[in-house]
PDB file of all heavy atoms in Angstrom:
ATOM      1  N   GLY A   1     -13.183  23.592  74.583  1.00  0.00           N
ATOM      2  CA  GLY A   1     -12.642  24.543  75.562  1.00  0.00           C
ATOM      3  C   GLY A   1     -13.360  25.980  75.490  1.00  0.00           C
ATOM      4  O   GLY A   1     -13.659  26.453  74.338  1.00  0.00           O
ATOM      5  N   VAL A   2     -13.550  26.566  76.694  1.00  0.00           N
ATOM      6  CA  VAL A   2     -14.127  27.944  76.729  1.00  0.00           C
ATOM      7  C   VAL A   2     -13.587  28.603  77.836  1.00  0.00           C
ATOM      8  O   VAL A   2     -13.342  28.108  78.887  1.00  0.00           O
ATOM      9  CB  VAL A   2     -15.745  27.857  76.844  1.00  0.00           C
ATOM     10  CG1 VAL A   2     -16.178  27.264  78.101  1.00  0.00           C
ATOM     11  CG2 VAL A   2     -16.304  29.183  76.628  1.00  0.00           C
ATOM     12  N   ARG A   3     -13.430  29.987  77.703  1.00  0.00           N
ATOM     13  CA  ARG A   3     -13.181  30.947  78.749  1.00  0.00           C
ATOM     14  C   ARG A   3     -14.050  32.145  78.480  1.00  0.00           C
ATOM     15  O   ARG A   3     -14.214  32.611  77.451  1.00  0.00           O
ATOM     16  CB  ARG A   3     -11.717  31.351  78.830  1.00  0.00           C
ATOM     17  CG  ARG A   3     -10.795  30.264  79.202  1.00  0.00           C
ATOM     18  CD  ARG A   3      -9.369  30.829  79.303  1.00  0.00           C
ATOM     19  NE  ARG A   3      -8.355  29.839  79.556  1.00  0.00           N
ATOM     20  CZ  ARG A   3      -7.364  29.578  78.827  1.00  0.00           C
ATOM     21  NH1 ARG A   3      -7.068  30.189  77.775  1.00  0.00           N
ATOM     22  NH2 ARG A   3      -6.546  28.507  79.186  1.00  0.00           N
ATOM     23  N   VAL A   4     -14.708  32.558  79.561  1.00  0.00           N
ATOM     24  CA  VAL A   4     -15.536  33.763  79.503  1.00  0.00           C
ATOM     25  C   VAL A   4     -15.106  34.799  80.470  1.00  0.00           C
ATOM     26  O   VAL A   4     -14.910  34.457  81.635  1.00  0.00           O
ATOM     27  CB  VAL A   4     -17.053  33.470  79.853  1.00  0.00           C
ATOM     28  CG1 VAL A   4     -17.972  34.629  79.741  1.00  0.00           C
ATOM     29  CG2 VAL A   4     -17.647  32.396  78.778  1.00  0.00           C
ATOM     30  N   TYR A   5     -14.902  36.038  80.064  1.00  0.00           N
ATOM     31  CA  TYR A   5     -14.423  37.088  80.863  1.00  0.00           C
ATOM     32  C   TYR A   5     -15.435  38.180  80.872  1.00  0.00           C
ATOM     33  O   TYR A   5     -16.096  38.455  79.816  1.00  0.00           O
ATOM     34  CB  TYR A   5     -13.159  37.617  80.375  1.00  0.00           C
ATOM     35  CG  TYR A   5     -11.939  36.829  80.149  1.00  0.00           C
ATOM     36  CD1 TYR A   5     -11.804  35.886  79.029  1.00  0.00           C
ATOM     37  CD2 TYR A   5     -11.036  36.674  81.119  1.00  0.00           C
ATOM     38  CE1 TYR A   5     -10.765  35.020  78.943  1.00  0.00           C
ATOM     39  CE2 TYR A   5      -9.915  35.847  81.019  1.00  0.00           C
ATOM     40  CZ  TYR A   5      -9.767  34.957  79.865  1.00  0.00           C
ATOM     41  OH  TYR A   5      -8.795  34.191  79.799  1.00  0.00           O
ATOM     42  N   VAL A   6     -15.634  38.852  82.020  1.00  0.00           N
ATOM     43  CA  VAL A   6     -16.407  40.031  82.163  1.00  0.00           C
ATOM     44  C   VAL A   6     -15.463  41.140  82.662  1.00  0.00           C
ATOM     45  O   VAL A   6     -14.985  41.014  83.775  1.00  0.00           O
ATOM     46  CB  VAL A   6     -17.654  39.864  82.885  1.00  0.00           C
ATOM     47  CG1 VAL A   6     -18.539  41.170  83.029  1.00  0.00           C
ATOM     48  CG2 VAL A   6     -18.620  38.808  82.309  1.00  0.00           C
ATOM     49  N   ASP A   7     -15.353  42.240  81.985  1.00  0.00           N
ATOM     50  CA  ASP A   7     -14.518  43.321  82.325  1.00  0.00           C
ATOM     51  C   ASP A   7     -13.093  42.821  82.620  1.00  0.00           C
ATOM     52  O   ASP A   7     -12.366  43.275  83.601  1.00  0.00           O
ATOM     53  CB  ASP A   7     -15.021  44.136  83.530  1.00  0.00           C
ATOM     54  CG  ASP A   7     -16.263  44.857  83.013  1.00  0.00           C
ATOM     55  OD1 ASP A   7     -16.384  45.265  81.881  1.00  0.00           O
ATOM     56  OD2 ASP A   7     -17.189  45.053  83.937  1.00  0.00           O
ATOM     57  N   GLY A   8     -12.573  41.815  81.924  1.00  0.00           N
ATOM     58  CA  GLY A   8     -11.203  41.250  82.132  1.00  0.00           C
ATOM     59  C   GLY A   8     -11.139  40.276  83.275  1.00  0.00           C
ATOM     60  O   GLY A   8     -10.084  39.605  83.416  1.00  0.00           O
ATOM     61  N   ALA A   9     -12.191  40.088  83.980  1.00  0.00           N
ATOM     62  CA  ALA A   9     -12.179  39.040  85.134  1.00  0.00           C
ATOM     63  C   ALA A   9     -12.748  37.670  84.499  1.00  0.00           C
ATOM     64  O   ALA A   9     -13.772  37.643  83.913  1.00  0.00           O
ATOM     65  CB  ALA A   9     -13.057  39.438  86.279  1.00  0.00           C
ATOM     66  N   LEU A  10     -11.945  36.707  84.732  1.00  0.00           N
ATOM     67  CA  LEU A  10     -12.347  35.309  84.311  1.00  0.00           C
ATOM     68  C   LEU A  10     -13.540  34.780  85.059  1.00  0.00           C
ATOM     69  O   LEU A  10     -13.466  34.739  86.292  1.00  0.00           O
ATOM     70  CB  LEU A  10     -11.084  34.349  84.558  1.00  0.00           C
ATOM     71  CG  LEU A  10     -11.282  32.860  84.018  1.00  0.00           C
ATOM     72  CD1 LEU A  10     -11.482  32.897  82.494  1.00  0.00           C
ATOM     73  CD2 LEU A  10     -10.111  32.118  84.330  1.00  0.00           C
ATOM     74  N   LEU A  11     -14.590  34.491  84.337  1.00  0.00           N
ATOM     75  CA  LEU A  11     -15.858  34.083  85.025  1.00  0.00           C
ATOM     76  C   LEU A  11     -16.169  32.572  84.798  1.00  0.00           C
ATOM     77  O   LEU A  11     -16.530  31.867  85.737  1.00  0.00           O
ATOM     78  CB  LEU A  11     -16.965  34.800  84.381  1.00  0.00           C
ATOM     79  CG  LEU A  11     -18.340  34.763  85.081  1.00  0.00           C
ATOM     80  CD1 LEU A  11     -18.343  35.308  86.517  1.00  0.00           C
ATOM     81  CD2 LEU A  11     -19.475  35.568  84.245  1.00  0.00           C
ATOM     82  N   ILE A  12     -15.806  32.054  83.585  1.00  0.00           N
ATOM     83  CA  ILE A  12     -15.927  30.599  83.317  1.00  0.00           C
ATOM     84  C   ILE A  12     -14.601  30.187  82.685  1.00  0.00           C
ATOM     85  O   ILE A  12     -14.169  30.740  81.713  1.00  0.00           O
ATOM     86  CB  ILE A  12     -17.111  30.320  82.363  1.00  0.00           C
ATOM     87  CG1 ILE A  12     -18.470  30.641  83.021  1.00  0.00           C
ATOM     88  CG2 ILE A  12     -17.241  28.803  81.990  1.00  0.00           C
ATOM     89  CD1 ILE A  12     -19.623  30.670  82.158  1.00  0.00           C
ATOM     90  N   ASP A  13     -14.054  29.060  83.243  1.00  0.00           N
ATOM     91  CA  ASP A  13     -12.770  28.533  82.768  1.00  0.00           C
ATOM     92  C   ASP A  13     -12.873  27.033  82.668  1.00  0.00           C
ATOM     93  O   ASP A  13     -12.617  26.317  83.574  1.00  0.00           O
ATOM     94  CB  ASP A  13     -11.699  28.885  83.769  1.00  0.00           C
ATOM     95  CG  ASP A  13     -10.263  28.602  83.217  1.00  0.00           C
ATOM     96  OD1 ASP A  13     -10.165  28.247  82.084  1.00  0.00           O
ATOM     97  OD2 ASP A  13      -9.350  28.636  84.024  1.00  0.00           O
ATOM     98  N   LYS A  14     -13.216  26.598  81.438  1.00  0.00           N
ATOM     99  CA  LYS A  14     -13.263  25.103  81.144  1.00  0.00           C
ATOM    100  C   LYS A  14     -12.478  24.823  79.855  1.00  0.00           C
ATOM    101  O   LYS A  14     -13.082  24.499  78.808  1.00  0.00           O
ATOM    102  CB  LYS A  14     -14.723  24.715  81.023  1.00  0.00           C
ATOM    103  CG  LYS A  14     -15.508  24.870  82.261  1.00  0.00           C
ATOM    104  CD  LYS A  14     -14.993  24.037  83.417  1.00  0.00           C
ATOM    105  CE  LYS A  14     -15.748  24.178  84.803  1.00  0.00           C
ATOM    106  NZ  LYS A  14     -15.128  23.341  85.718  1.00  0.00           N
ATOM    107  N   TRP A  15     -11.160  25.097  79.840  1.00  0.00           N
ATOM    108  CA  TRP A  15     -10.292  24.951  78.710  1.00  0.00           C
ATOM    109  C   TRP A  15      -9.965  23.538  78.626  1.00  0.00           C
ATOM    110  O   TRP A  15      -8.731  23.219  78.826  1.00  0.00           O
ATOM    111  CB  TRP A  15      -9.095  25.903  78.887  1.00  0.00           C
ATOM    112  CG  TRP A  15      -8.412  26.262  77.646  1.00  0.00           C
ATOM    113  CD1 TRP A  15      -7.235  25.954  77.197  1.00  0.00           C
ATOM    114  CD2 TRP A  15      -8.925  27.181  76.539  1.00  0.00           C
ATOM    115  NE1 TRP A  15      -6.968  26.437  75.972  1.00  0.00           N
ATOM    116  CE2 TRP A  15      -8.056  27.256  75.612  1.00  0.00           C
ATOM    117  CE3 TRP A  15     -10.186  27.862  76.410  1.00  0.00           C
ATOM    118  CZ2 TRP A  15      -8.194  27.999  74.366  1.00  0.00           C
ATOM    119  CZ3 TRP A  15     -10.349  28.622  75.255  1.00  0.00           C
ATOM    120  CH2 TRP A  15      -9.277  28.634  74.319  1.00  0.00           C
ATOM    121  N   ILE A  16     -10.839  22.548  78.210  1.00  0.00           N
ATOM    122  CA  ILE A  16     -10.617  21.169  78.213  1.00  0.00           C
ATOM    123  C   ILE A  16     -11.393  20.589  76.984  1.00  0.00           C
ATOM    124  O   ILE A  16     -12.402  21.234  76.405  1.00  0.00           O
ATOM    125  CB  ILE A  16     -11.169  20.527  79.505  1.00  0.00           C
ATOM    126  CG1 ILE A  16     -12.654  20.829  79.698  1.00  0.00           C
ATOM    127  CG2 ILE A  16     -10.338  20.998  80.714  1.00  0.00           C
ATOM    128  CD1 ILE A  16     -13.348  20.056  80.930  1.00  0.00           C
ATOM    129  N   ASN A  17     -10.981  19.536  76.506  1.00  0.00           N
ATOM    130  CA  ASN A  17     -11.681  18.723  75.550  1.00  0.00           C
ATOM    131  C   ASN A  17     -12.887  18.107  76.222  1.00  0.00           C
ATOM    132  O   ASN A  17     -12.744  17.405  77.291  1.00  0.00           O
ATOM    133  CB  ASN A  17     -10.766  17.533  75.000  1.00  0.00           C
ATOM    134  CG  ASN A  17      -9.628  18.112  74.004  1.00  0.00           C
ATOM    135  OD1 ASN A  17      -9.609  19.402  73.703  1.00  0.00           O
ATOM    136  ND2 ASN A  17      -8.784  17.254  73.816  1.00  0.00           N
ATOM    137  N   GLN A  18     -13.967  18.284  75.628  1.00  0.00           N
ATOM    138  CA  GLN A  18     -15.288  17.734  76.172  1.00  0.00           C
ATOM    139  C   GLN A  18     -16.362  17.708  75.119  1.00  0.00           C
ATOM    140  O   GLN A  18     -16.307  18.452  74.205  1.00  0.00           O
ATOM    141  CB  GLN A  18     -15.798  18.590  77.433  1.00  0.00           C
ATOM    142  CG  GLN A  18     -15.995  20.048  76.910  1.00  0.00           C
ATOM    143  CD  GLN A  18     -16.195  20.923  78.087  1.00  0.00           C
ATOM    144  OE1 GLN A  18     -16.661  20.616  79.085  1.00  0.00           O
ATOM    145  NE2 GLN A  18     -15.717  22.260  77.984  1.00  0.00           N
ATOM    146  N   SER A  19     -17.381  16.877  75.360  1.00  0.00           N
ATOM    147  CA  SER A  19     -18.539  16.885  74.477  1.00  0.00           C
ATOM    148  C   SER A  19     -19.361  18.061  74.890  1.00  0.00           C
ATOM    149  O   SER A  19     -19.054  18.843  75.851  1.00  0.00           O
ATOM    150  CB  SER A  19     -19.353  15.625  74.687  1.00  0.00           C
ATOM    151  OG  SER A  19     -19.781  15.495  76.071  1.00  0.00           O
ATOM    152  N   SER A  20     -20.436  18.352  74.099  1.00  0.00           N
ATOM    153  CA  SER A  20     -21.225  19.595  74.447  1.00  0.00           C
ATOM    154  C   SER A  20     -21.703  19.661  75.827  1.00  0.00           C
ATOM    155  O   SER A  20     -22.347  18.756  76.289  1.00  0.00           O
ATOM    156  CB  SER A  20     -22.458  19.595  73.375  1.00  0.00           C
ATOM    157  OG  SER A  20     -23.135  20.775  73.613  1.00  0.00           O
ATOM    158  N   THR A  21     -21.294  20.668  76.511  1.00  0.00           N
ATOM    159  CA  THR A  21     -21.611  20.896  77.941  1.00  0.00           C
ATOM    160  C   THR A  21     -21.966  22.335  78.203  1.00  0.00           C
ATOM    161  O   THR A  21     -21.392  23.246  77.626  1.00  0.00           O
ATOM    162  CB  THR A  21     -20.277  20.580  78.791  1.00  0.00           C
ATOM    163  OG1 THR A  21     -19.869  19.302  78.469  1.00  0.00           O
ATOM    164  CG2 THR A  21     -20.558  20.534  80.341  1.00  0.00           C
ATOM    165  N   THR A  22     -22.921  22.494  79.166  1.00  0.00           N
ATOM    166  CA  THR A  22     -23.389  23.835  79.548  1.00  0.00           C
ATOM    167  C   THR A  22     -22.886  24.306  80.902  1.00  0.00           C
ATOM    168  O   THR A  22     -22.902  23.428  81.838  1.00  0.00           O
ATOM    169  CB  THR A  22     -24.934  23.860  79.544  1.00  0.00           C
ATOM    170  OG1 THR A  22     -25.367  23.671  78.145  1.00  0.00           O
ATOM    171  CG2 THR A  22     -25.407  25.299  79.934  1.00  0.00           C
ATOM    172  N   TYR A  23     -22.356  25.494  80.976  1.00  0.00           N
ATOM    173  CA  TYR A  23     -21.886  26.032  82.287  1.00  0.00           C
ATOM    174  C   TYR A  23     -22.581  27.374  82.481  1.00  0.00           C
ATOM    175  O   TYR A  23     -22.865  28.136  81.554  1.00  0.00           O
ATOM    176  CB  TYR A  23     -20.295  26.266  82.172  1.00  0.00           C
ATOM    177  CG  TYR A  23     -19.544  25.063  81.967  1.00  0.00           C
ATOM    178  CD1 TYR A  23     -19.078  24.755  80.652  1.00  0.00           C
ATOM    179  CD2 TYR A  23     -19.279  24.142  83.011  1.00  0.00           C
ATOM    180  CE1 TYR A  23     -18.271  23.587  80.460  1.00  0.00           C
ATOM    181  CE2 TYR A  23     -18.616  23.051  82.760  1.00  0.00           C
ATOM    182  CZ  TYR A  23     -18.078  22.759  81.510  1.00  0.00           C
ATOM    183  OH  TYR A  23     -17.336  21.602  81.236  1.00  0.00           O
ATOM    184  N   THR A  24     -22.759  27.671  83.869  1.00  0.00           N
ATOM    185  CA  THR A  24     -23.372  28.941  84.142  1.00  0.00           C
ATOM    186  C   THR A  24     -22.492  29.556  85.245  1.00  0.00           C
ATOM    187  O   THR A  24     -21.874  28.892  86.120  1.00  0.00           O
ATOM    188  CB  THR A  24     -24.763  28.845  84.615  1.00  0.00           C
ATOM    189  OG1 THR A  24     -24.812  28.089  85.805  1.00  0.00           O
ATOM    190  CG2 THR A  24     -25.598  28.332  83.576  1.00  0.00           C
ATOM    191  N   ALA A  25     -22.481  30.865  85.382  1.00  0.00           N
ATOM    192  CA  ALA A  25     -21.832  31.595  86.472  1.00  0.00           C
ATOM    193  C   ALA A  25     -22.587  33.024  86.592  1.00  0.00           C
ATOM    194  O   ALA A  25     -23.028  33.552  85.537  1.00  0.00           O
ATOM    195  CB  ALA A  25     -20.434  31.894  86.147  1.00  0.00           C
TER     196      ALA A  25
END
């Protein structure tokens, strides 16, 4: 799982069990 925030705003939200995966935003 991953969550990425910029200035407190959620940009990437993939809080799941998964194999190695790439996300962009």
